[in-house]
C-alpha cells in the first residue's frame, strides 16, 4: 500500500467534480475505503476513481414466476 494511493476528501471531491460534503457522506455510508492518519480521514484514490452512482432506495423485489 503506497502513500500515493490515499488522498484527502477535498482532493477526492476535486477529482469527481463534486462537493467535499458529498465525499464525506460516501465515507460515512462505507462506500469508500478510508484510513485515518494524524487525525485526517484519507480515501483510497482507486475507490474514488472507480465509484459509480447507484440508484437511491431499496432494490425492486423480483416477482415469483418471472
PDB file of N, CA and C in Angstrom:
ATOM      1  N   UNK A   1       0.848  -1.171   0.000  1.00  0.00           N
ATOM      2  CA  UNK A   1       0.000   0.000   0.000  1.00  0.00           C
ATOM      3  C   UNK A   1       0.896   1.238   0.000  1.00  0.00           C
ATOM      4  N   UNK A   2       0.796   1.986  -1.039  1.00  0.00           N
ATOM      5  CA  UNK A   2       1.619   3.177  -1.220  1.00  0.00           C
ATOM      6  C   UNK A   2       0.915   4.418  -0.657  1.00  0.00           C
ATOM      7  N   UNK A   3       1.674   5.362  -0.112  1.00  0.00           N
ATOM      8  CA  UNK A   3       1.057   6.610   0.353  1.00  0.00           C
ATOM      9  C   UNK A   3       0.363   7.382  -0.776  1.00  0.00           C
ATOM     10  N   UNK A   4       0.806   7.170  -2.007  1.00  0.00           N
ATOM     11  CA  UNK A   4       0.177   7.847  -3.141  1.00  0.00           C
ATOM     12  C   UNK A   4      -1.218   7.310  -3.440  1.00  0.00           C
ATOM     13  N   UNK A   5      -1.568   6.168  -2.848  1.00  0.00           N
ATOM     14  CA  UNK A   5      -2.890   5.575  -3.058  1.00  0.00           C
ATOM     15  C   UNK A   5      -3.979   6.277  -2.258  1.00  0.00           C
ATOM     16  N   UNK A   6      -3.591   7.104  -1.293  1.00  0.00           N
ATOM     17  CA  UNK A   6      -4.549   7.751  -0.399  1.00  0.00           C
ATOM     18  C   UNK A   6      -4.562   9.250  -0.631  1.00  0.00           C
ATOM     19  N   UNK A   7      -5.764   9.828  -0.709  1.00  0.00           N
ATOM     20  CA  UNK A   7      -5.915  11.261  -0.960  1.00  0.00           C
ATOM     21  C   UNK A   7      -6.897  11.848   0.046  1.00  0.00           C
ATOM     22  N   UNK A   8      -6.849  13.153   0.189  1.00  0.00           N
ATOM     23  CA  UNK A   8      -7.775  13.831   1.102  1.00  0.00           C
ATOM     24  C   UNK A   8      -9.183  13.835   0.501  1.00  0.00           C
ATOM     25  N   UNK A   9     -10.146  14.070   1.352  1.00  0.00           N
ATOM     26  CA  UNK A   9     -11.524  14.154   0.879  1.00  0.00           C
ATOM     27  C   UNK A   9     -11.710  15.342  -0.057  1.00  0.00           C
ATOM     28  N   UNK A  10     -10.988  16.421   0.198  1.00  0.00           N
ATOM     29  CA  UNK A  10     -11.069  17.594  -0.678  1.00  0.00           C
ATOM     30  C   UNK A  10     -10.528  17.269  -2.068  1.00  0.00           C
ATOM     31  N   UNK A  11      -9.409  16.544  -2.130  1.00  0.00           N
ATOM     32  CA  UNK A  11      -8.848  16.148  -3.421  1.00  0.00           C
ATOM     33  C   UNK A  11      -9.792  15.189  -4.139  1.00  0.00           C
ATOM     34  N   UNK A  12     -10.408  14.283  -3.403  1.00  0.00           N
ATOM     35  CA  UNK A  12     -11.383  13.360  -3.998  1.00  0.00           C
ATOM     36  C   UNK A  12     -12.549  14.133  -4.601  1.00  0.00           C
ATOM     37  N   UNK A  13     -12.992  15.166  -3.903  1.00  0.00           N
ATOM     38  CA  UNK A  13     -14.094  15.992  -4.410  1.00  0.00           C
ATOM     39  C   UNK A  13     -13.680  16.701  -5.697  1.00  0.00           C
ATOM     40  N   UNK A  14     -12.450  17.197  -5.750  1.00  0.00           N
ATOM     41  CA  UNK A  14     -11.978  17.857  -6.980  1.00  0.00           C
ATOM     42  C   UNK A  14     -11.910  16.866  -8.136  1.00  0.00           C
ATOM     43  N   UNK A  15     -11.425  15.669  -7.877  1.00  0.00           N
ATOM     44  CA  UNK A  15     -11.320  14.659  -8.939  1.00  0.00           C
ATOM     45  C   UNK A  15     -12.689  14.272  -9.487  1.00  0.00           C
ATOM     46  N   UNK A  16     -13.681  14.166  -8.606  1.00  0.00           N
ATOM     47  CA  UNK A  16     -15.031  13.753  -9.016  1.00  0.00           C
ATOM     48  C   UNK A  16     -15.922  14.938  -9.389  1.00  0.00           C
ATOM     49  N   UNK A  17     -15.390  16.151  -9.223  1.00  0.00           N
ATOM     50  CA  UNK A  17     -16.163  17.369  -9.501  1.00  0.00           C
ATOM     51  C   UNK A  17     -17.470  17.397  -8.722  1.00  0.00           C
ATOM     52  N   UNK A  18     -17.319  17.196  -7.428  1.00  0.00           N
ATOM     53  CA  UNK A  18     -18.448  17.218  -6.514  1.00  0.00           C
ATOM     54  C   UNK A  18     -18.019  17.953  -5.243  1.00  0.00           C
ATOM     55  N   UNK A  19     -18.870  17.986  -4.264  1.00  0.00           N
ATOM     56  CA  UNK A  19     -18.531  18.696  -3.023  1.00  0.00           C
ATOM     57  C   UNK A  19     -17.798  17.778  -2.047  1.00  0.00           C
ATOM     58  N   UNK A  20     -17.078  18.385  -1.122  1.00  0.00           N
ATOM     59  CA  UNK A  20     -16.409  17.613  -0.085  1.00  0.00           C
ATOM     60  C   UNK A  20     -17.447  16.942   0.805  1.00  0.00           C
ATOM     61  N   UNK A  21     -18.577  17.602   0.984  1.00  0.00           N
ATOM     62  CA  UNK A  21     -19.643  17.042   1.801  1.00  0.00           C
ATOM     63  C   UNK A  21     -20.201  15.761   1.174  1.00  0.00           C
ATOM     64  N   UNK A  22     -20.284  15.717  -0.156  1.00  0.00           N
ATOM     65  CA  UNK A  22     -20.758  14.504  -0.838  1.00  0.00           C
ATOM     66  C   UNK A  22     -19.784  13.349  -0.609  1.00  0.00           C
ATOM     67  N   UNK A  23     -18.494  13.639  -0.644  1.00  0.00           N
ATOM     68  CA  UNK A  23     -17.485  12.611  -0.380  1.00  0.00           C
ATOM     69  C   UNK A  23     -17.596  12.154   1.073  1.00  0.00           C
ATOM     70  N   UNK A  24     -17.794  13.084   1.987  1.00  0.00           N
ATOM     71  CA  UNK A  24     -17.930  12.744   3.410  1.00  0.00           C
ATOM     72  C   UNK A  24     -19.136  11.830   3.638  1.00  0.00           C
ATOM     73  N   UNK A  25     -20.231  12.056   2.912  1.00  0.00           N
ATOM     74  CA  UNK A  25     -21.410  11.187   3.039  1.00  0.00           C
ATOM     75  C   UNK A  25     -21.090   9.775   2.553  1.00  0.00           C
ATOM     76  N   UNK A  26     -20.341   9.667   1.461  1.00  0.00           N
ATOM     77  CA  UNK A  26     -19.953   8.348   0.954  1.00  0.00           C
ATOM     78  C   UNK A  26     -19.063   7.622   1.956  1.00  0.00           C
ATOM     79  N   UNK A  27     -18.178   8.363   2.598  1.00  0.00           N
ATOM     80  CA  UNK A  27     -17.310   7.782   3.625  1.00  0.00           C
ATOM     81  C   UNK A  27     -18.165   7.286   4.794  1.00  0.00           C
ATOM     82  N   UNK A  28     -19.103   8.108   5.231  1.00  0.00           N
ATOM     83  CA  UNK A  28     -19.963   7.757   6.358  1.00  0.00           C
ATOM     84  C   UNK A  28     -20.783   6.507   6.059  1.00  0.00           C
ATOM     85  N   UNK A  29     -21.201   6.348   4.807  1.00  0.00           N
ATOM     86  CA  UNK A  29     -22.001   5.183   4.403  1.00  0.00           C
ATOM     87  C   UNK A  29     -21.145   3.954   4.110  1.00  0.00           C
ATOM     88  N   UNK A  30     -19.827   4.116   4.184  1.00  0.00           N
ATOM     89  CA  UNK A  30     -18.944   2.983   3.947  1.00  0.00           C
ATOM     90  C   UNK A  30     -18.732   2.642   2.484  1.00  0.00           C
ATOM     91  N   UNK A  31     -19.002   3.574   1.592  1.00  0.00           N
ATOM     92  CA  UNK A  31     -18.872   3.328   0.153  1.00  0.00           C
ATOM     93  C   UNK A  31     -17.442   3.500  -0.341  1.00  0.00           C
ATOM     94  N   UNK A  32     -16.586   4.175   0.449  1.00  0.00           N
ATOM     95  CA  UNK A  32     -15.186   4.381   0.084  1.00  0.00           C
ATOM     96  C   UNK A  32     -14.299   3.870   1.215  1.00  0.00           C
ATOM     97  N   UNK A  33     -13.193   3.213   0.858  1.00  0.00           N
ATOM     98  CA  UNK A  33     -12.229   2.781   1.874  1.00  0.00           C
ATOM     99  C   UNK A  33     -11.526   4.002   2.436  1.00  0.00           C
ATOM    100  N   UNK A  34     -11.267   3.972   3.742  1.00  0.00           N
ATOM    101  CA  UNK A  34     -10.616   5.099   4.399  1.00  0.00           C
ATOM    102  C   UNK A  34      -9.508   4.626   5.319  1.00  0.00           C
ATOM    103  N   UNK A  35      -8.643   5.569   5.644  1.00  0.00           N
ATOM    104  CA  UNK A  35      -7.617   5.387   6.666  1.00  0.00           C
ATOM    105  C   UNK A  35      -7.486   6.727   7.379  1.00  0.00           C
ATOM    106  N   UNK A  36      -7.343   6.691   8.706  1.00  0.00           N
ATOM    107  CA  UNK A  36      -7.174   7.921   9.476  1.00  0.00           C
ATOM    108  C   UNK A  36      -5.693   8.053   9.790  1.00  0.00           C
ATOM    109  N   UNK A  37      -5.122   9.173   9.370  1.00  0.00           N
ATOM    110  CA  UNK A  37      -3.704   9.436   9.560  1.00  0.00           C
ATOM    111  C   UNK A  37      -3.554  10.827  10.153  1.00  0.00           C
ATOM    112  N   UNK A  38      -2.982  10.914  11.327  1.00  0.00           N
ATOM    113  CA  UNK A  38      -2.772  12.185  12.012  1.00  0.00           C
ATOM    114  C   UNK A  38      -4.075  12.975  12.150  1.00  0.00           C
ATOM    115  N   UNK A  39      -5.178  12.251  12.412  1.00  0.00           N
ATOM    116  CA  UNK A  39      -6.463  12.901  12.622  1.00  0.00           C
ATOM    117  C   UNK A  39      -7.207  13.261  11.347  1.00  0.00           C
ATOM    118  N   UNK A  40      -6.621  12.957  10.193  1.00  0.00           N
ATOM    119  CA  UNK A  40      -7.276  13.258   8.908  1.00  0.00           C
ATOM    120  C   UNK A  40      -7.759  11.965   8.276  1.00  0.00           C
ATOM    121  N   UNK A  41      -8.963  11.982   7.750  1.00  0.00           N
ATOM    122  CA  UNK A  41      -9.504  10.812   7.075  1.00  0.00           C
ATOM    123  C   UNK A  41      -9.148  10.901   5.600  1.00  0.00           C
ATOM    124  N   UNK A  42      -8.385   9.921   5.135  1.00  0.00           N
ATOM    125  CA  UNK A  42      -7.988   9.854   3.733  1.00  0.00           C
ATOM    126  C   UNK A  42      -8.782   8.752   3.047  1.00  0.00           C
ATOM    127  N   UNK A  43      -9.060   8.935   1.766  1.00  0.00           N
ATOM    128  CA  UNK A  43      -9.807   7.943   0.996  1.00  0.00           C
ATOM    129  C   UNK A  43      -8.899   7.322  -0.056  1.00  0.00           C
ATOM    130  N   UNK A  44      -9.237   6.098  -0.446  1.00  0.00           N
ATOM    131  CA  UNK A  44      -8.434   5.373  -1.419  1.00  0.00           C
ATOM    132  C   UNK A  44      -8.705   5.936  -2.817  1.00  0.00           C
ATOM    133  N   UNK A  45      -7.654   6.363  -3.495  1.00  0.00           N
ATOM    134  CA  UNK A  45      -7.773   7.000  -4.816  1.00  0.00           C
ATOM    135  C   UNK A  45      -8.523   6.111  -5.808  1.00  0.00           C
ATOM    136  N   UNK A  46      -8.204   4.820  -5.848  1.00  0.00           N
ATOM    137  CA  UNK A  46      -8.851   3.914  -6.811  1.00  0.00           C
ATOM    138  C   UNK A  46     -10.352   3.822  -6.557  1.00  0.00           C
ATOM    139  N   UNK A  47     -10.761   3.815  -5.283  1.00  0.00           N
ATOM    140  CA  UNK A  47     -12.187   3.771  -4.966  1.00  0.00           C
ATOM    141  C   UNK A  47     -12.900   5.011  -5.497  1.00  0.00           C
ATOM    142  N   UNK A  48     -12.259   6.140  -5.360  1.00  0.00           N
ATOM    143  CA  UNK A  48     -12.851   7.403  -5.821  1.00  0.00           C
ATOM    144  C   UNK A  48     -12.982   7.383  -7.352  1.00  0.00           C
ATOM    145  N   UNK A  49     -11.943   6.931  -8.028  1.00  0.00           N
ATOM    146  CA  UNK A  49     -11.952   6.942  -9.493  1.00  0.00           C
ATOM    147  C   UNK A  49     -12.923   5.907 -10.072  1.00  0.00           C
ATOM    148  N   UNK A  50     -13.122   4.792  -9.370  1.00  0.00           N
ATOM    149  CA  UNK A  50     -13.995   3.728  -9.871  1.00  0.00           C
ATOM    150  C   UNK A  50     -15.425   3.846  -9.364  1.00  0.00           C
ATOM    151  N   UNK A  51     -15.688   4.808  -8.498  1.00  0.00           N
ATOM    152  CA  UNK A  51     -17.011   4.934  -7.904  1.00  0.00           C
ATOM    153  C   UNK A  51     -18.056   5.232  -8.967  1.00  0.00           C
ATOM    154  N   UNK A  52     -19.171   4.523  -8.872  1.00  0.00           N
ATOM    155  CA  UNK A  52     -20.293   4.817  -9.759  1.00  0.00           C
ATOM    156  C   UNK A  52     -21.549   4.952  -8.913  1.00  0.00           C
ATOM    157  N   UNK A  53     -22.407   5.839  -9.321  1.00  0.00           N
ATOM    158  CA  UNK A  53     -23.634   6.087  -8.586  1.00  0.00           C
ATOM    159  C   UNK A  53     -24.526   4.856  -8.652  1.00  0.00           C
ATOM    160  N   UNK A  54     -25.281   4.674  -7.601  1.00  0.00           N
ATOM    161  CA  UNK A  54     -26.284   3.629  -7.567  1.00  0.00           C
ATOM    162  C   UNK A  54     -27.632   4.297  -7.409  1.00  0.00           C
ATOM    163  N   UNK A  55     -28.656   3.613  -7.862  1.00  0.00           N
ATOM    164  CA  UNK A  55     -29.990   4.169  -7.701  1.00  0.00           C
ATOM    165  C   UNK A  55     -30.325   4.276  -6.227  1.00  0.00           C
ATOM    166  N   UNK A  56     -31.015   5.312  -5.872  1.00  0.00           N
ATOM    167  CA  UNK A  56     -31.404   5.522  -4.484  1.00  0.00           C
ATOM    168  C   UNK A  56     -32.524   4.567  -4.098  1.00  0.00           C
ATOM    169  N   UNK A  57     -32.574   4.244  -2.837  1.00  0.00           N
ATOM    170  CA  UNK A  57     -33.678   3.429  -2.325  1.00  0.00           C
ATOM    171  C   UNK A  57     -33.400   1.937  -2.384  1.00  0.00           C
ATOM    172  N   UNK A  58     -34.393   1.211  -2.021  1.00  0.00           N
ATOM    173  CA  UNK A  58     -34.331  -0.239  -1.955  1.00  0.00           C
ATOM    174  C   UNK A  58     -34.425  -0.827  -3.363  1.00  0.00           C
ATOM    175  N   UNK A  59     -33.670  -1.894  -3.656  1.00  0.00           N
ATOM    176  CA  UNK A  59     -33.787  -2.514  -4.973  1.00  0.00           C
ATOM    177  C   UNK A  59     -35.185  -3.130  -5.138  1.00  0.00           C
ATOM    178  N   UNK A  60     -35.698  -3.155  -6.357  1.00  0.00           N
ATOM    179  CA  UNK A  60     -37.043  -3.700  -6.569  1.00  0.00           C
ATOM    180  C   UNK A  60     -37.083  -5.207  -6.268  1.00  0.00           C
ATOM    181  N   UNK A  61     -38.235  -5.644  -5.768  1.00  0.00           N
ATOM    182  CA  UNK A  61     -38.424  -7.058  -5.485  1.00  0.00           C
ATOM    183  C   UNK A  61     -38.608  -7.811  -6.798  1.00  0.00           C
ATOM    184  N   UNK A  62     -38.078  -9.009  -6.846  1.00  0.00           N
ATOM    185  CA  UNK A  62     -38.323  -9.817  -8.032  1.00  0.00           C
ATOM    186  C   UNK A  62     -39.662 -10.537  -7.844  1.00  0.00           C
ATOM    187  N   UNK A  63     -40.384 -10.656  -8.930  1.00  0.00           N
ATOM    188  CA  UNK A  63     -41.704 -11.305  -8.861  1.00  0.00           C
ATOM    189  C   UNK A  63     -41.532 -12.804  -9.047  1.00  0.00           C
ATOM    190  N   UNK A  64     -42.334 -13.552  -8.320  1.00  0.00           N
ATOM    191  CA  UNK A  64     -42.297 -15.010  -8.453  1.00  0.00           C
ATOM    192  C   UNK A  64     -42.890 -15.394  -9.801  1.00  0.00           C
ATOM    193  N   UNK A  65     -42.265 -16.379 -10.431  1.00  0.00           N
ATOM    194  CA  UNK A  65     -42.798 -16.876 -11.696  1.00  0.00           C
ATOM    195  C   UNK A  65     -42.294 -16.130 -12.911  1.00  0.00           C
ATOM    196  N   UNK A  66     -41.452 -15.151 -12.733  1.00  0.00           N
ATOM    197  CA  UNK A  66     -40.944 -14.414 -13.901  1.00  0.00           C
ATOM    198  C   UNK A  66     -39.534 -14.793 -14.181  1.00  0.00           C
TER     199      UNK A  66
END
